[in-house]
Amino acid sequence: MAKSERVRAAVVGAGHMGQYHTLVYAELWDVDL
């Protein structure tokens, strides 16, 4: 994968851990959530 490519991610679940992972992924510049 080239450095400029963005990674697509999804979070399944809306519990405590789902909310935590959503916040972490949202902070990453190279991830499309």
C-alpha atoms as a PDB file:
ATOM      1  CA  MET A   1       0.000   0.000   0.000  1.00  0.00           C
ATOM      2  CA  ALA A   2       1.341   3.434  -0.938  1.00  0.00           C
ATOM      3  CA  LYS A   3       1.969   5.946   1.836  1.00  0.00           C
ATOM      4  CA  SER A   4      -0.675   8.315   0.470  1.00  0.00           C
ATOM      5  CA  GLU A   5      -3.476   5.724   0.486  1.00  0.00           C
ATOM      6  CA  ARG A   6      -6.130   6.007   3.169  1.00  0.00           C
ATOM      7  CA  VAL A   7      -7.391   3.001   5.085  1.00  0.00           C
ATOM      8  CA  ARG A   8     -11.151   2.487   5.314  1.00  0.00           C
ATOM      9  CA  ALA A   9     -12.355   1.328   8.729  1.00  0.00           C
ATOM     10  CA  ALA A  10     -15.669   0.668  10.423  1.00  0.00           C
ATOM     11  CA  VAL A  11     -16.584   0.225  14.068  1.00  0.00           C
ATOM     12  CA  VAL A  12     -19.321  -2.283  14.847  1.00  0.00           C
ATOM     13  CA  GLY A  13     -21.022  -1.782  18.185  1.00  0.00           C
ATOM     14  CA  ALA A  14     -21.956   1.260  20.184  1.00  0.00           C
ATOM     15  CA  GLY A  15     -20.891   0.189  23.658  1.00  0.00           C
ATOM     16  CA  HIS A  16     -18.032   1.634  25.684  1.00  0.00           C
ATOM     17  CA  MET A  17     -15.307  -0.020  23.600  1.00  0.00           C
ATOM     18  CA  GLY A  18     -17.036   0.921  20.331  1.00  0.00           C
ATOM     19  CA  GLN A  19     -17.126   4.559  21.391  1.00  0.00           C
ATOM     20  CA  TYR A  20     -13.463   4.414  22.422  1.00  0.00           C
ATOM     21  CA  HIS A  21     -12.360   2.917  19.093  1.00  0.00           C
ATOM     22  CA  THR A  22     -14.438   5.460  17.156  1.00  0.00           C
ATOM     23  CA  LEU A  23     -12.676   8.320  18.936  1.00  0.00           C
ATOM     24  CA  VAL A  24      -9.253   6.801  18.272  1.00  0.00           C
ATOM     25  CA  TYR A  25      -9.933   6.168  14.567  1.00  0.00           C
ATOM     26  CA  ALA A  26     -11.377   9.675  14.140  1.00  0.00           C
ATOM     27  CA  GLU A  27      -8.038  11.154  15.274  1.00  0.00           C
ATOM     28  CA  LEU A  28      -6.016   9.275  12.640  1.00  0.00           C
ATOM     29  CA  TRP A  29      -5.474  11.352   9.488  1.00  0.00           C
ATOM     30  CA  ASP A  30      -4.991   8.363   7.166  1.00  0.00           C
ATOM     31  CA  VAL A  31      -8.184   6.497   8.140  1.00  0.00           C
ATOM     32  CA  ASP A  32     -11.640   6.953   6.592  1.00  0.00           C
ATOM     33  CA  LEU A  33     -14.157   6.020   9.232  1.00  0.00           C
END
